[in-house]
Amino acid sequence: MDQKLVRALSSFITRSSDYSLARLEFATQNPQLPSPPILDRLPDASERTLRERWEQLERQLDVIMAFINEFDDAEGRKAAEDATFRWLARTAKELDQYGRALRWVLTVTERDSP
């Protein structure tokens, strides 16, 4: 597996675990609010699994980011008021960044493959 892909995948998996914990903490502290969307975990860290499941994960990331953007108001007041939301939003944004990096690496490795 390409080293760039290994690093990006490792970071994505770590951040997805952080997102799961942040999601749980937010839902526990805010039972009156809808729970943040779920992000499926990869069953293994292989390139094959990533390629097979990536489109589904990207759709889930889009739903997560829509939740974050919808939940917080334009001035960011919710984030200022709720530490669990700040953690959730931060991990979601980092996850989205790692997701974009993975998409880039996948695209480049597909293009460069014989």
PDB file of N, CA and C in Angstrom:
ATOM      1  N   MET A   1       0.857  -1.173   0.000  1.00  0.00           N
ATOM      2  CA  MET A   1       0.000   0.000   0.000  1.00  0.00           C
ATOM      3  C   MET A   1       0.901   1.232   0.000  1.00  0.00           C
ATOM      4  N   ASP A   2       0.523   2.228  -0.758  1.00  0.00           N
ATOM      5  CA  ASP A   2       1.250   3.492  -0.851  1.00  0.00           C
ATOM      6  C   ASP A   2       1.375   4.130   0.538  1.00  0.00           C
ATOM      7  N   GLN A   3       2.563   4.652   0.853  1.00  0.00           N
ATOM      8  CA  GLN A   3       2.817   5.233   2.176  1.00  0.00           C
ATOM      9  C   GLN A   3       1.912   6.436   2.476  1.00  0.00           C
ATOM     10  N   LYS A   4       1.610   7.238   1.471  1.00  0.00           N
ATOM     11  CA  LYS A   4       0.706   8.376   1.692  1.00  0.00           C
ATOM     12  C   LYS A   4      -0.675   7.881   2.085  1.00  0.00           C
ATOM     13  N   LEU A   5      -1.105   6.812   1.449  1.00  0.00           N
ATOM     14  CA  LEU A   5      -2.408   6.236   1.755  1.00  0.00           C
ATOM     15  C   LEU A   5      -2.415   5.654   3.163  1.00  0.00           C
ATOM     16  N   VAL A   6      -1.343   4.999   3.545  1.00  0.00           N
ATOM     17  CA  VAL A   6      -1.232   4.425   4.896  1.00  0.00           C
ATOM     18  C   VAL A   6      -1.340   5.524   5.953  1.00  0.00           C
ATOM     19  N   ARG A   7      -0.609   6.617   5.765  1.00  0.00           N
ATOM     20  CA  ARG A   7      -0.638   7.720   6.742  1.00  0.00           C
ATOM     21  C   ARG A   7      -2.014   8.367   6.800  1.00  0.00           C
ATOM     22  N   ALA A   8      -2.600   8.626   5.638  1.00  0.00           N
ATOM     23  CA  ALA A   8      -3.919   9.258   5.607  1.00  0.00           C
ATOM     24  C   ALA A   8      -4.976   8.345   6.225  1.00  0.00           C
ATOM     25  N   LEU A   9      -4.913   7.072   5.920  1.00  0.00           N
ATOM     26  CA  LEU A   9      -5.868   6.114   6.469  1.00  0.00           C
ATOM     27  C   LEU A   9      -5.712   5.983   7.980  1.00  0.00           C
ATOM     28  N   SER A  10      -4.489   5.944   8.455  1.00  0.00           N
ATOM     29  CA  SER A  10      -4.236   5.859   9.892  1.00  0.00           C
ATOM     30  C   SER A  10      -4.809   7.074  10.617  1.00  0.00           C
ATOM     31  N   SER A  11      -4.587   8.257  10.077  1.00  0.00           N
ATOM     32  CA  SER A  11      -5.124   9.478  10.680  1.00  0.00           C
ATOM     33  C   SER A  11      -6.644   9.479  10.649  1.00  0.00           C
ATOM     34  N   PHE A  12      -7.225   9.031   9.545  1.00  0.00           N
ATOM     35  CA  PHE A  12      -8.677   8.977   9.427  1.00  0.00           C
ATOM     36  C   PHE A  12      -9.278   8.023  10.458  1.00  0.00           C
ATOM     37  N   ILE A  13      -8.675   6.854  10.613  1.00  0.00           N
ATOM     38  CA  ILE A  13      -9.182   5.867  11.575  1.00  0.00           C
ATOM     39  C   ILE A  13      -9.088   6.402  12.999  1.00  0.00           C
ATOM     40  N   THR A  14      -7.973   7.030  13.328  1.00  0.00           N
ATOM     41  CA  THR A  14      -7.820   7.621  14.665  1.00  0.00           C
ATOM     42  C   THR A  14      -8.870   8.691  14.911  1.00  0.00           C
ATOM     43  N   ARG A  15      -9.043   9.572  13.950  1.00  0.00           N
ATOM     44  CA  ARG A  15     -10.007  10.658  14.107  1.00  0.00           C
ATOM     45  C   ARG A  15     -11.440  10.132  14.130  1.00  0.00           C
ATOM     46  N   SER A  16     -11.713   9.046  13.402  1.00  0.00           N
ATOM     47  CA  SER A  16     -13.068   8.493  13.432  1.00  0.00           C
ATOM     48  C   SER A  16     -13.387   7.914  14.806  1.00  0.00           C
ATOM     49  N   SER A  17     -12.387   7.371  15.484  1.00  0.00           N
ATOM     50  CA  SER A  17     -12.589   6.899  16.860  1.00  0.00           C
ATOM     51  C   SER A  17     -12.869   8.076  17.783  1.00  0.00           C
ATOM     52  N   ASP A  18     -12.138   9.167  17.593  1.00  0.00           N
ATOM     53  CA  ASP A  18     -12.375  10.373  18.387  1.00  0.00           C
ATOM     54  C   ASP A  18     -13.785  10.916  18.135  1.00  0.00           C
ATOM     55  N   TYR A  19     -14.215  10.886  16.866  1.00  0.00           N
ATOM     56  CA  TYR A  19     -15.557  11.361  16.530  1.00  0.00           C
ATOM     57  C   TYR A  19     -16.618  10.509  17.233  1.00  0.00           C
ATOM     58  N   SER A  20     -16.417   9.195  17.271  1.00  0.00           N
ATOM     59  CA  SER A  20     -17.382   8.318  17.942  1.00  0.00           C
ATOM     60  C   SER A  20     -17.521   8.680  19.415  1.00  0.00           C
ATOM     61  N   LEU A  21     -16.407   8.950  20.063  1.00  0.00           N
ATOM     62  CA  LEU A  21     -16.455   9.345  21.474  1.00  0.00           C
ATOM     63  C   LEU A  21     -17.113  10.716  21.655  1.00  0.00           C
ATOM     64  N   ALA A  22     -16.774  11.656  20.782  1.00  0.00           N
ATOM     65  CA  ALA A  22     -17.365  12.994  20.862  1.00  0.00           C
ATOM     66  C   ALA A  22     -18.870  12.919  20.602  1.00  0.00           C
ATOM     67  N   ARG A  23     -19.266  12.091  19.661  1.00  0.00           N
ATOM     68  CA  ARG A  23     -20.685  11.899  19.338  1.00  0.00           C
ATOM     69  C   ARG A  23     -21.433  11.361  20.555  1.00  0.00           C
ATOM     70  N   LEU A  24     -20.864  10.363  21.204  1.00  0.00           N
ATOM     71  CA  LEU A  24     -21.474   9.772  22.391  1.00  0.00           C
ATOM     72  C   LEU A  24     -21.585  10.791  23.524  1.00  0.00           C
ATOM     73  N   GLU A  25     -20.523  11.538  23.755  1.00  0.00           N
ATOM     74  CA  GLU A  25     -20.546  12.534  24.825  1.00  0.00           C
ATOM     75  C   GLU A  25     -21.577  13.623  24.540  1.00  0.00           C
ATOM     76  N   PHE A  26     -21.640  14.107  23.302  1.00  0.00           N
ATOM     77  CA  PHE A  26     -22.614  15.131  22.937  1.00  0.00           C
ATOM     78  C   PHE A  26     -24.033  14.608  23.146  1.00  0.00           C
ATOM     79  N   ALA A  27     -24.301  13.393  22.671  1.00  0.00           N
ATOM     80  CA  ALA A  27     -25.645  12.820  22.804  1.00  0.00           C
ATOM     81  C   ALA A  27     -26.022  12.609  24.270  1.00  0.00           C
ATOM     82  N   THR A  28     -25.055  12.216  25.079  1.00  0.00           N
ATOM     83  CA  THR A  28     -25.312  12.009  26.504  1.00  0.00           C
ATOM     84  C   THR A  28     -25.610  13.323  27.212  1.00  0.00           C
ATOM     85  N   GLN A  29     -24.876  14.366  26.891  1.00  0.00           N
ATOM     86  CA  GLN A  29     -25.057  15.668  27.535  1.00  0.00           C
ATOM     87  C   GLN A  29     -26.252  16.450  26.983  1.00  0.00           C
ATOM     88  N   ASN A  30     -26.742  16.073  25.803  1.00  0.00           N
ATOM     89  CA  ASN A  30     -27.844  16.800  25.159  1.00  0.00           C
ATOM     90  C   ASN A  30     -28.931  15.831  24.701  1.00  0.00           C
ATOM     91  N   PRO A  31     -29.571  15.111  25.640  1.00  0.00           N
ATOM     92  CA  PRO A  31     -30.553  14.092  25.236  1.00  0.00           C
ATOM     93  C   PRO A  31     -31.789  14.678  24.543  1.00  0.00           C
ATOM     94  N   GLN A  32     -32.035  15.957  24.722  1.00  0.00           N
ATOM     95  CA  GLN A  32     -33.181  16.606  24.096  1.00  0.00           C
ATOM     96  C   GLN A  32     -32.940  16.920  22.622  1.00  0.00           C
ATOM     97  N   LEU A  33     -31.711  16.814  22.172  1.00  0.00           N
ATOM     98  CA  LEU A  33     -31.347  17.135  20.786  1.00  0.00           C
ATOM     99  C   LEU A  33     -31.167  15.849  19.972  1.00  0.00           C
ATOM    100  N   PRO A  34     -31.281  15.967  18.643  1.00  0.00           N
ATOM    101  CA  PRO A  34     -31.002  14.789  17.814  1.00  0.00           C
ATOM    102  C   PRO A  34     -29.545  14.360  17.972  1.00  0.00           C
ATOM    103  N   SER A  35     -29.330  13.070  17.916  1.00  0.00           N
ATOM    104  CA  SER A  35     -27.961  12.554  18.004  1.00  0.00           C
ATOM    105  C   SER A  35     -27.210  12.862  16.719  1.00  0.00           C
ATOM    106  N   PRO A  36     -25.926  13.142  16.825  1.00  0.00           N
ATOM    107  CA  PRO A  36     -25.111  13.356  15.618  1.00  0.00           C
ATOM    108  C   PRO A  36     -25.103  12.090  14.768  1.00  0.00           C
ATOM    109  N   PRO A  37     -24.925  12.256  13.464  1.00  0.00           N
ATOM    110  CA  PRO A  37     -24.908  11.095  12.557  1.00  0.00           C
ATOM    111  C   PRO A  37     -23.775  10.119  12.869  1.00  0.00           C
ATOM    112  N   ILE A  38     -24.032   8.887  12.538  1.00  0.00           N
ATOM    113  CA  ILE A  38     -23.050   7.815  12.730  1.00  0.00           C
ATOM    114  C   ILE A  38     -22.077   7.786  11.554  1.00  0.00           C
ATOM    115  N   LEU A  39     -20.843   7.416  11.858  1.00  0.00           N
ATOM    116  CA  LEU A  39     -19.841   7.160  10.823  1.00  0.00           C
ATOM    117  C   LEU A  39     -19.428   5.704  10.959  1.00  0.00           C
ATOM    118  N   ASP A  40     -19.628   4.927   9.896  1.00  0.00           N
ATOM    119  CA  ASP A  40     -19.233   3.520   9.926  1.00  0.00           C
ATOM    120  C   ASP A  40     -17.728   3.400  10.116  1.00  0.00           C
ATOM    121  N   ARG A  41     -17.340   2.357  10.803  1.00  0.00           N
ATOM    122  CA  ARG A  41     -15.918   2.071  10.969  1.00  0.00           C
ATOM    123  C   ARG A  41     -15.485   1.075   9.907  1.00  0.00           C
ATOM    124  N   LEU A  42     -14.273   1.226   9.459  1.00  0.00           N
ATOM    125  CA  LEU A  42     -13.725   0.270   8.511  1.00  0.00           C
ATOM    126  C   LEU A  42     -13.378  -1.015   9.260  1.00  0.00           C
ATOM    127  N   PRO A  43     -13.726  -2.196   8.712  1.00  0.00           N
ATOM    128  CA  PRO A  43     -13.422  -3.443   9.414  1.00  0.00           C
ATOM    129  C   PRO A  43     -11.937  -3.745   9.479  1.00  0.00           C
ATOM    130  N   ASP A  44     -11.170  -3.173   8.543  1.00  0.00           N
ATOM    131  CA  ASP A  44      -9.715  -3.328   8.574  1.00  0.00           C
ATOM    132  C   ASP A  44      -9.108  -2.120   7.857  1.00  0.00           C
ATOM    133  N   ALA A  45      -7.803  -2.012   7.933  1.00  0.00           N
ATOM    134  CA  ALA A  45      -7.118  -0.851   7.363  1.00  0.00           C
ATOM    135  C   ALA A  45      -6.493  -1.166   6.008  1.00  0.00           C
ATOM    136  N   SER A  46      -7.174  -1.988   5.234  1.00  0.00           N
ATOM    137  CA  SER A  46      -6.612  -2.349   3.933  1.00  0.00           C
ATOM    138  C   SER A  46      -7.063  -1.383   2.838  1.00  0.00           C
ATOM    139  N   GLU A  47      -6.258  -1.299   1.819  1.00  0.00           N
ATOM    140  CA  GLU A  47      -6.596  -0.447   0.679  1.00  0.00           C
ATOM    141  C   GLU A  47      -7.859  -0.966  -0.016  1.00  0.00           C
ATOM    142  N   ARG A  48      -7.990  -2.262  -0.103  1.00  0.00           N
ATOM    143  CA  ARG A  48      -9.178  -2.852  -0.748  1.00  0.00           C
ATOM    144  C   ARG A  48     -10.454  -2.446  -0.018  1.00  0.00           C
ATOM    145  N   THR A  49     -10.466  -2.589   1.292  1.00  0.00           N
ATOM    146  CA  THR A  49     -11.638  -2.207   2.074  1.00  0.00           C
ATOM    147  C   THR A  49     -11.923  -0.726   1.912  1.00  0.00           C
ATOM    148  N   LEU A  50     -10.891   0.084   1.953  1.00  0.00           N
ATOM    149  CA  LEU A  50     -11.066   1.525   1.793  1.00  0.00           C
ATOM    150  C   LEU A  50     -11.711   1.840   0.442  1.00  0.00           C
ATOM    151  N   ARG A  51     -11.189   1.270  -0.611  1.00  0.00           N
ATOM    152  CA  ARG A  51     -11.731   1.534  -1.949  1.00  0.00           C
ATOM    153  C   ARG A  51     -13.175   1.040  -2.072  1.00  0.00           C
ATOM    154  N   GLU A  52     -13.491  -0.094  -1.457  1.00  0.00           N
ATOM    155  CA  GLU A  52     -14.846  -0.641  -1.526  1.00  0.00           C
ATOM    156  C   GLU A  52     -15.853   0.201  -0.744  1.00  0.00           C
ATOM    157  N   ARG A  53     -15.433   0.798   0.338  1.00  0.00           N
ATOM    158  CA  ARG A  53     -16.366   1.498   1.233  1.00  0.00           C
ATOM    159  C   ARG A  53     -16.251   3.017   1.211  1.00  0.00           C
ATOM    160  N   TRP A  54     -15.306   3.539   0.446  1.00  0.00           N
ATOM    161  CA  TRP A  54     -15.029   4.963   0.540  1.00  0.00           C
ATOM    162  C   TRP A  54     -16.215   5.844   0.155  1.00  0.00           C
ATOM    163  N   GLU A  55     -16.916   5.513  -0.897  1.00  0.00           N
ATOM    164  CA  GLU A  55     -18.038   6.363  -1.317  1.00  0.00           C
ATOM    165  C   GLU A  55     -19.102   6.459  -0.237  1.00  0.00           C
ATOM    166  N   GLN A  56     -19.382   5.358   0.430  1.00  0.00           N
ATOM    167  CA  GLN A  56     -20.349   5.371   1.533  1.00  0.00           C
ATOM    168  C   GLN A  56     -19.840   6.248   2.682  1.00  0.00           C
ATOM    169  N   LEU A  57     -18.555   6.136   3.008  1.00  0.00           N
ATOM    170  CA  LEU A  57     -17.986   6.964   4.071  1.00  0.00           C
ATOM    171  C   LEU A  57     -18.038   8.449   3.708  1.00  0.00           C
ATOM    172  N   GLU A  58     -17.787   8.773   2.450  1.00  0.00           N
ATOM    173  CA  GLU A  58     -17.863  10.174   2.022  1.00  0.00           C
ATOM    174  C   GLU A  58     -19.280  10.721   2.181  1.00  0.00           C
ATOM    175  N   ARG A  59     -20.275   9.916   1.832  1.00  0.00           N
ATOM    176  CA  ARG A  59     -21.668  10.356   2.015  1.00  0.00           C
ATOM    177  C   ARG A  59     -21.970  10.584   3.492  1.00  0.00           C
ATOM    178  N   GLN A  60     -21.476   9.713   4.346  1.00  0.00           N
ATOM    179  CA  GLN A  60     -21.677   9.875   5.780  1.00  0.00           C
ATOM    180  C   GLN A  60     -20.978  11.135   6.288  1.00  0.00           C
ATOM    181  N   LEU A  61     -19.779  11.407   5.789  1.00  0.00           N
ATOM    182  CA  LEU A  61     -19.071  12.635   6.171  1.00  0.00           C
ATOM    183  C   LEU A  61     -19.863  13.875   5.758  1.00  0.00           C
ATOM    184  N   ASP A  62     -20.472  13.834   4.587  1.00  0.00           N
ATOM    185  CA  ASP A  62     -21.296  14.965   4.141  1.00  0.00           C
ATOM    186  C   ASP A  62     -22.468  15.189   5.090  1.00  0.00           C
ATOM    187  N   VAL A  63     -23.096  14.108   5.548  1.00  0.00           N
ATOM    188  CA  VAL A  63     -24.222  14.207   6.479  1.00  0.00           C
ATOM    189  C   VAL A  63     -23.740  14.760   7.826  1.00  0.00           C
ATOM    190  N   ILE A  64     -22.596  14.299   8.261  1.00  0.00           N
ATOM    191  CA  ILE A  64     -22.025  14.789   9.531  1.00  0.00           C
ATOM    192  C   ILE A  64     -21.747  16.285   9.451  1.00  0.00           C
ATOM    193  N   MET A  65     -21.115  16.720   8.371  1.00  0.00           N
ATOM    194  CA  MET A  65     -20.797  18.145   8.245  1.00  0.00           C
ATOM    195  C   MET A  65     -22.071  18.982   8.118  1.00  0.00           C
ATOM    196  N   ALA A  66     -23.087  18.466   7.458  1.00  0.00           N
ATOM    197  CA  ALA A  66     -24.366  19.180   7.378  1.00  0.00           C
ATOM    198  C   ALA A  66     -24.977  19.314   8.772  1.00  0.00           C
ATOM    199  N   PHE A  67     -24.881  18.272   9.585  1.00  0.00           N
ATOM    200  CA  PHE A  67     -25.381  18.321  10.959  1.00  0.00           C
ATOM    201  C   PHE A  67     -24.648  19.401  11.749  1.00  0.00           C
ATOM    202  N   ILE A  68     -23.331  19.419  11.662  1.00  0.00           N
ATOM    203  CA  ILE A  68     -22.528  20.411  12.381  1.00  0.00           C
ATOM    204  C   ILE A  68     -22.922  21.814  11.939  1.00  0.00           C
ATOM    205  N   ASN A  69     -22.998  22.025  10.642  1.00  0.00           N
ATOM    206  CA  ASN A  69     -23.330  23.357  10.121  1.00  0.00           C
ATOM    207  C   ASN A  69     -24.755  23.768  10.465  1.00  0.00           C
ATOM    208  N   GLU A  70     -25.679  22.832  10.452  1.00  0.00           N
ATOM    209  CA  GLU A  70     -27.071  23.141  10.762  1.00  0.00           C
ATOM    210  C   GLU A  70     -27.268  23.403  12.251  1.00  0.00           C
ATOM    211  N   PHE A  71     -26.570  22.621  13.065  1.00  0.00           N
ATOM    212  CA  PHE A  71     -26.770  22.720  14.505  1.00  0.00           C
ATOM    213  C   PHE A  71     -26.246  24.029  15.060  1.00  0.00           C
ATOM    214  N   ASP A  72     -25.098  24.456  14.585  1.00  0.00           N
ATOM    215  CA  ASP A  72     -24.507  25.698  15.079  1.00  0.00           C
ATOM    216  C   ASP A  72     -25.098  26.871  14.316  1.00  0.00           C
ATOM    217  N   ASP A  73     -25.283  27.963  14.987  1.00  0.00           N
ATOM    218  CA  ASP A  73     -25.794  29.136  14.279  1.00  0.00           C
ATOM    219  C   ASP A  73     -24.640  29.860  13.575  1.00  0.00           C
ATOM    220  N   ALA A  74     -24.982  30.831  12.776  1.00  0.00           N
ATOM    221  CA  ALA A  74     -23.987  31.525  11.954  1.00  0.00           C
ATOM    222  C   ALA A  74     -22.913  32.212  12.785  1.00  0.00           C
ATOM    223  N   GLU A  75     -23.257  32.606  13.993  1.00  0.00           N
ATOM    224  CA  GLU A  75     -22.287  33.301  14.843  1.00  0.00           C
ATOM    225  C   GLU A  75     -21.461  32.345  15.700  1.00  0.00           C
ATOM    226  N   GLY A  76     -21.770  31.072  15.629  1.00  0.00           N
ATOM    227  CA  GLY A  76     -21.006  30.099  16.409  1.00  0.00           C
ATOM    228  C   GLY A  76     -21.330  30.116  17.887  1.00  0.00           C
ATOM    229  N   ARG A  77     -22.508  30.578  18.248  1.00  0.00           N
ATOM    230  CA  ARG A  77     -22.858  30.659  19.674  1.00  0.00           C
ATOM    231  C   ARG A  77     -22.968  29.299  20.337  1.00  0.00           C
ATOM    232  N   LYS A  78     -23.501  28.306  19.635  1.00  0.00           N
ATOM    233  CA  LYS A  78     -23.645  26.983  20.256  1.00  0.00           C
ATOM    234  C   LYS A  78     -22.274  26.427  20.618  1.00  0.00           C
ATOM    235  N   ALA A  79     -21.322  26.597  19.729  1.00  0.00           N
ATOM    236  CA  ALA A  79     -19.978  26.107  20.010  1.00  0.00           C
ATOM    237  C   ALA A  79     -19.382  26.808  21.230  1.00  0.00           C
ATOM    238  N   ALA A  80     -19.677  28.083  21.377  1.00  0.00           N
ATOM    239  CA  ALA A  80     -19.154  28.829  22.519  1.00  0.00           C
ATOM    240  C   ALA A  80     -19.800  28.377  23.824  1.00  0.00           C
ATOM    241  N   GLU A  81     -21.037  27.919  23.749  1.00  0.00           N
ATOM    242  CA  GLU A  81     -21.788  27.544  24.951  1.00  0.00           C
ATOM    243  C   GLU A  81     -21.569  26.100  25.390  1.00  0.00           C
ATOM    244  N   ASP A  82     -21.256  25.218  24.485  1.00  0.00           N
ATOM    245  CA  ASP A  82     -21.279  23.783  24.762  1.00  0.00           C
ATOM    246  C   ASP A  82     -19.947  23.130  24.405  1.00  0.00           C
ATOM    247  N   ALA A  83     -19.220  22.725  25.435  1.00  0.00           N
ATOM    248  CA  ALA A  83     -17.910  22.106  25.217  1.00  0.00           C
ATOM    249  C   ALA A  83     -18.026  20.795  24.448  1.00  0.00           C
ATOM    250  N   THR A  84     -19.105  20.049  24.661  1.00  0.00           N
ATOM    251  CA  THR A  84     -19.258  18.784  23.931  1.00  0.00           C
ATOM    252  C   THR A  84     -19.485  19.049  22.440  1.00  0.00           C
ATOM    253  N   PHE A  85     -20.184  20.133  22.119  1.00  0.00           N
ATOM    254  CA  PHE A  85     -20.368  20.474  20.709  1.00  0.00           C
ATOM    255  C   PHE A  85     -19.056  20.944  20.087  1.00  0.00           C
ATOM    256  N   ARG A  86     -18.263  21.704  20.838  1.00  0.00           N
ATOM    257  CA  ARG A  86     -16.966  22.144  20.309  1.00  0.00           C
ATOM    258  C   ARG A  86     -16.102  20.946  19.938  1.00  0.00           C
ATOM    259  N   TRP A  87     -16.070  19.945  20.833  1.00  0.00           N
ATOM    260  CA  TRP A  87     -15.273  18.748  20.568  1.00  0.00           C
ATOM    261  C   TRP A  87     -15.833  17.996  19.363  1.00  0.00           C
ATOM    262  N   LEU A  88     -17.152  17.861  19.320  1.00  0.00           N
ATOM    263  CA  LEU A  88     -17.792  17.189  18.198  1.00  0.00           C
ATOM    264  C   LEU A  88     -17.481  17.907  16.886  1.00  0.00           C
ATOM    265  N   ALA A  89     -17.641  19.207  16.871  1.00  0.00           N
ATOM    266  CA  ALA A  89     -17.392  19.983  15.652  1.00  0.00           C
ATOM    267  C   ALA A  89     -15.925  19.908  15.245  1.00  0.00           C
ATOM    268  N   ARG A  90     -15.027  20.012  16.204  1.00  0.00           N
ATOM    269  CA  ARG A  90     -13.594  19.958  15.888  1.00  0.00           C
ATOM    270  C   ARG A  90     -13.220  18.595  15.301  1.00  0.00           C
ATOM    271  N   THR A  91     -13.683  17.508  15.929  1.00  0.00           N
ATOM    272  CA  THR A  91     -13.336  16.188  15.407  1.00  0.00           C
ATOM    273  C   THR A  91     -13.980  15.949  14.040  1.00  0.00           C
ATOM    274  N   ALA A  92     -15.204  16.444  13.844  1.00  0.00           N
ATOM    275  CA  ALA A  92     -15.870  16.290  12.541  1.00  0.00           C
ATOM    276  C   ALA A  92     -15.112  17.043  11.456  1.00  0.00           C
ATOM    277  N   LYS A  93     -14.664  18.246  11.757  1.00  0.00           N
ATOM    278  CA  LYS A  93     -13.927  19.038  10.758  1.00  0.00           C
ATOM    279  C   LYS A  93     -12.576  18.394  10.439  1.00  0.00           C
ATOM    280  N   GLU A  94     -11.906  17.871  11.449  1.00  0.00           N
ATOM    281  CA  GLU A  94     -10.638  17.188  11.206  1.00  0.00           C
ATOM    282  C   GLU A  94     -10.868  15.909  10.402  1.00  0.00           C
ATOM    283  N   LEU A  95     -11.928  15.195  10.721  1.00  0.00           N
ATOM    284  CA  LEU A  95     -12.288  13.997   9.976  1.00  0.00           C
ATOM    285  C   LEU A  95     -12.561  14.335   8.518  1.00  0.00           C
ATOM    286  N   ASP A  96     -13.252  15.427   8.296  1.00  0.00           N
ATOM    287  CA  ASP A  96     -13.538  15.871   6.934  1.00  0.00           C
ATOM    288  C   ASP A  96     -12.237  16.200   6.185  1.00  0.00           C
ATOM    289  N   GLN A  97     -11.296  16.839   6.862  1.00  0.00           N
ATOM    290  CA  GLN A  97     -10.016  17.158   6.232  1.00  0.00           C
ATOM    291  C   GLN A  97      -9.239  15.883   5.879  1.00  0.00           C
ATOM    292  N   TYR A  98      -9.203  14.927   6.793  1.00  0.00           N
ATOM    293  CA  TYR A  98      -8.529  13.667   6.500  1.00  0.00           C
ATOM    294  C   TYR A  98      -9.254  12.922   5.380  1.00  0.00           C
ATOM    295  N   GLY A  99     -10.571  13.036   5.355  1.00  0.00           N
ATOM    296  CA  GLY A  99     -11.337  12.423   4.279  1.00  0.00           C
ATOM    297  C   GLY A  99     -10.975  13.011   2.928  1.00  0.00           C
ATOM    298  N   ARG A 100     -10.821  14.327   2.885  1.00  0.00           N
ATOM    299  CA  ARG A 100     -10.417  14.972   1.622  1.00  0.00           C
ATOM    300  C   ARG A 100      -9.022  14.523   1.204  1.00  0.00           C
ATOM    301  N   ALA A 101      -8.132  14.369   2.180  1.00  0.00           N
ATOM    302  CA  ALA A 101      -6.778  13.890   1.878  1.00  0.00           C
ATOM    303  C   ALA A 101      -6.827  12.457   1.339  1.00  0.00           C
ATOM    304  N   LEU A 102      -7.657  11.626   1.950  1.00  0.00           N
ATOM    305  CA  LEU A 102      -7.790  10.258   1.457  1.00  0.00           C
ATOM    306  C   LEU A 102      -8.343  10.230   0.035  1.00  0.00           C
ATOM    307  N   ARG A 103      -9.335  11.056  -0.239  1.00  0.00           N
ATOM    308  CA  ARG A 103      -9.898  11.111  -1.588  1.00  0.00           C
ATOM    309  C   ARG A 103      -8.816  11.509  -2.590  1.00  0.00           C
ATOM    310  N   TRP A 104      -7.999  12.495  -2.221  1.00  0.00           N
ATOM    311  CA  TRP A 104      -6.919  12.935  -3.104  1.00  0.00           C
ATOM    312  C   TRP A 104      -5.942  11.794  -3.369  1.00  0.00           C
ATOM    313  N   VAL A 105      -5.511  11.111  -2.297  1.00  0.00           N
ATOM    314  CA  VAL A 105      -4.553  10.015  -2.455  1.00  0.00           C
ATOM    315  C   VAL A 105      -5.173   8.890  -3.278  1.00  0.00           C
ATOM    316  N   LEU A 106      -6.422   8.561  -3.024  1.00  0.00           N
ATOM    317  CA  LEU A 106      -7.080   7.513  -3.817  1.00  0.00           C
ATOM    318  C   LEU A 106      -7.143   7.891  -5.286  1.00  0.00           C
ATOM    319  N   THR A 107      -7.468   9.137  -5.552  1.00  0.00           N
ATOM    320  CA  THR A 107      -7.558   9.611  -6.938  1.00  0.00           C
ATOM    321  C   THR A 107      -6.191   9.553  -7.614  1.00  0.00           C
ATOM    322  N   VAL A 108      -5.168  10.004  -6.925  1.00  0.00           N
ATOM    323  CA  VAL A 108      -3.814  10.004  -7.499  1.00  0.00           C
ATOM    324  C   VAL A 108      -3.324   8.577  -7.726  1.00  0.00           C
ATOM    325  N   THR A 109      -3.552   7.693  -6.767  1.00  0.00           N
ATOM    326  CA  THR A 109      -3.062   6.311  -6.937  1.00  0.00           C
ATOM    327  C   THR A 109      -3.833   5.580  -8.020  1.00  0.00           C
ATOM    328  N   GLU A 110      -5.119   5.898  -8.200  1.00  0.00           N
ATOM    329  CA  GLU A 110      -5.886   5.294  -9.295  1.00  0.00           C
ATOM    330  C   GLU A 110      -5.336   5.769 -10.637  1.00  0.00           C
ATOM    331  N   ARG A 111      -5.060   7.055 -10.724  1.00  0.00           N
ATOM    332  CA  ARG A 111      -4.567   7.648 -11.960  1.00  0.00           C
ATOM    333  C   ARG A 111      -3.184   7.115 -12.316  1.00  0.00           C
ATOM    334  N   ASP A 112      -2.350   6.917 -11.302  1.00  0.00           N
ATOM    335  CA  ASP A 112      -0.973   6.462 -11.534  1.00  0.00           C
ATOM    336  C   ASP A 112      -0.843   4.954 -11.704  1.00  0.00           C
ATOM    337  N   SER A 113      -1.923   4.215 -11.457  1.00  0.00           N
ATOM    338  CA  SER A 113      -1.879   2.752 -11.606  1.00  0.00           C
ATOM    339  C   SER A 113      -1.816   2.381 -13.072  1.00  0.00           C
ATOM    340  N   PRO A 114      -1.053   1.317 -13.382  1.00  0.00           N
ATOM    341  CA  PRO A 114      -0.943   0.886 -14.781  1.00  0.00           C
ATOM    342  C   PRO A 114      -2.243   0.276 -15.293  1.00  0.00           C
TER     343      PRO A 114
END
